[in-house]
Amino acid sequence: MSTATITSKGQITIPAVVRVALGVEAGDRIEFVQVEPGRFELVASTQPVSALKGLVRKPASPVTIEEMGQTIATHGAKAR
């Protein structure tokens, strides 16, 4: 297991073995994702937003603003 010490400024140095395993280097971004209270995962966010293109298909027919508003109002009311 690798460990790191937090500085007085709240900074840490990510151990080299962890950086290699994540495939990150200087200047890359890391996300801290909470998986449960008191427990986080480090996720490398090295891909650009454009890499998400095509993950969600376009709807068969366009949805109007009025339909969106009605759906939000209906489902939002149920959530309360």
Protein backbone atom coordinates (compact mmCIF):
# COMPACT_ATOMS: atom_id res chain seq x y z
CA MET A 1 0.00 0.00 0.00
CA SER A 2 1.28 3.49 -0.86
CA THR A 3 0.92 6.37 1.56
CA ALA A 4 1.31 10.15 1.38
CA THR A 5 1.50 12.94 3.95
CA ILE A 6 -0.69 16.04 3.80
CA THR A 7 1.23 19.32 3.98
CA SER A 8 0.14 22.34 6.02
CA LYS A 9 -1.33 23.72 2.76
CA GLY A 10 -3.49 20.61 2.29
CA GLN A 11 -1.36 19.21 -0.53
CA ILE A 12 -0.09 15.68 -1.11
CA THR A 13 2.41 14.12 -3.45
CA ILE A 14 0.90 11.12 -5.20
CA PRO A 15 3.42 8.26 -5.00
CA ALA A 16 5.12 7.35 -8.29
CA VAL A 17 3.65 3.82 -8.38
CA VAL A 18 0.14 5.29 -8.10
CA ARG A 19 0.80 7.89 -10.83
CA VAL A 20 2.06 5.16 -13.15
CA ALA A 21 -0.94 2.92 -12.41
CA LEU A 22 -3.35 5.82 -13.11
CA GLY A 23 -1.42 6.85 -16.20
CA VAL A 24 -1.13 10.48 -15.06
CA GLU A 25 1.69 12.97 -15.16
CA ALA A 26 2.32 16.60 -14.26
CA GLY A 27 -0.56 18.82 -15.33
CA ASP A 28 -3.17 16.04 -15.53
CA ARG A 29 -6.37 16.28 -13.50
CA ILE A 30 -7.50 13.82 -10.82
CA GLU A 31 -11.06 13.48 -9.55
CA PHE A 32 -11.85 12.39 -6.01
CA VAL A 33 -15.05 10.33 -6.08
CA GLN A 34 -16.74 9.52 -2.76
CA VAL A 35 -17.80 5.86 -2.79
CA GLU A 36 -19.06 5.86 0.80
CA PRO A 37 -18.68 8.15 3.79
CA GLY A 38 -14.98 8.54 4.56
CA ARG A 39 -13.88 6.58 1.48
CA PHE A 40 -12.82 8.03 -1.88
CA GLU A 41 -11.48 6.75 -5.19
CA LEU A 42 -8.94 8.61 -7.32
CA VAL A 43 -9.97 8.76 -10.96
CA ALA A 44 -7.74 10.14 -13.69
CA SER A 45 -9.69 12.64 -15.79
CA THR A 46 -7.30 12.84 -18.68
CA GLN A 47 -9.79 12.47 -21.54
CA PRO A 48 -11.32 15.59 -23.10
CA VAL A 49 -15.07 16.17 -22.99
CA SER A 50 -15.20 15.48 -26.73
CA ALA A 51 -14.46 11.82 -25.92
CA LEU A 52 -18.04 11.56 -24.56
CA LYS A 53 -19.54 12.27 -27.99
CA GLY A 54 -21.76 9.44 -29.16
CA LEU A 55 -22.36 7.85 -25.75
CA VAL A 56 -26.00 8.98 -25.73
CA ARG A 57 -28.15 8.43 -28.81
CA LYS A 58 -30.35 11.17 -30.20
CA PRO A 59 -34.08 10.69 -29.51
CA ALA A 60 -36.21 9.29 -32.34
CA SER A 61 -38.29 12.47 -32.33
CA PRO A 62 -37.38 15.89 -30.94
CA VAL A 63 -38.78 16.88 -27.55
CA THR A 64 -40.29 20.33 -27.17
CA ILE A 65 -39.46 22.70 -24.34
CA GLU A 66 -43.07 22.37 -23.14
CA GLU A 67 -42.77 18.56 -22.99
CA MET A 68 -39.52 18.85 -21.03
CA GLY A 69 -41.12 21.29 -18.59
CA GLN A 70 -44.14 19.02 -18.09
CA THR A 71 -41.95 15.96 -17.48
CA ILE A 72 -39.80 17.84 -14.98
CA ALA A 73 -42.87 19.16 -13.17
CA THR A 74 -44.47 15.70 -13.03
CA HIS A 75 -41.38 13.79 -11.88
CA GLY A 76 -40.15 16.59 -9.63
CA ALA A 77 -43.46 16.58 -7.77
CA LYS A 78 -43.20 12.80 -7.23
CA ALA A 79 -39.71 13.13 -5.75
CA ARG A 80 -40.94 15.31 -2.90
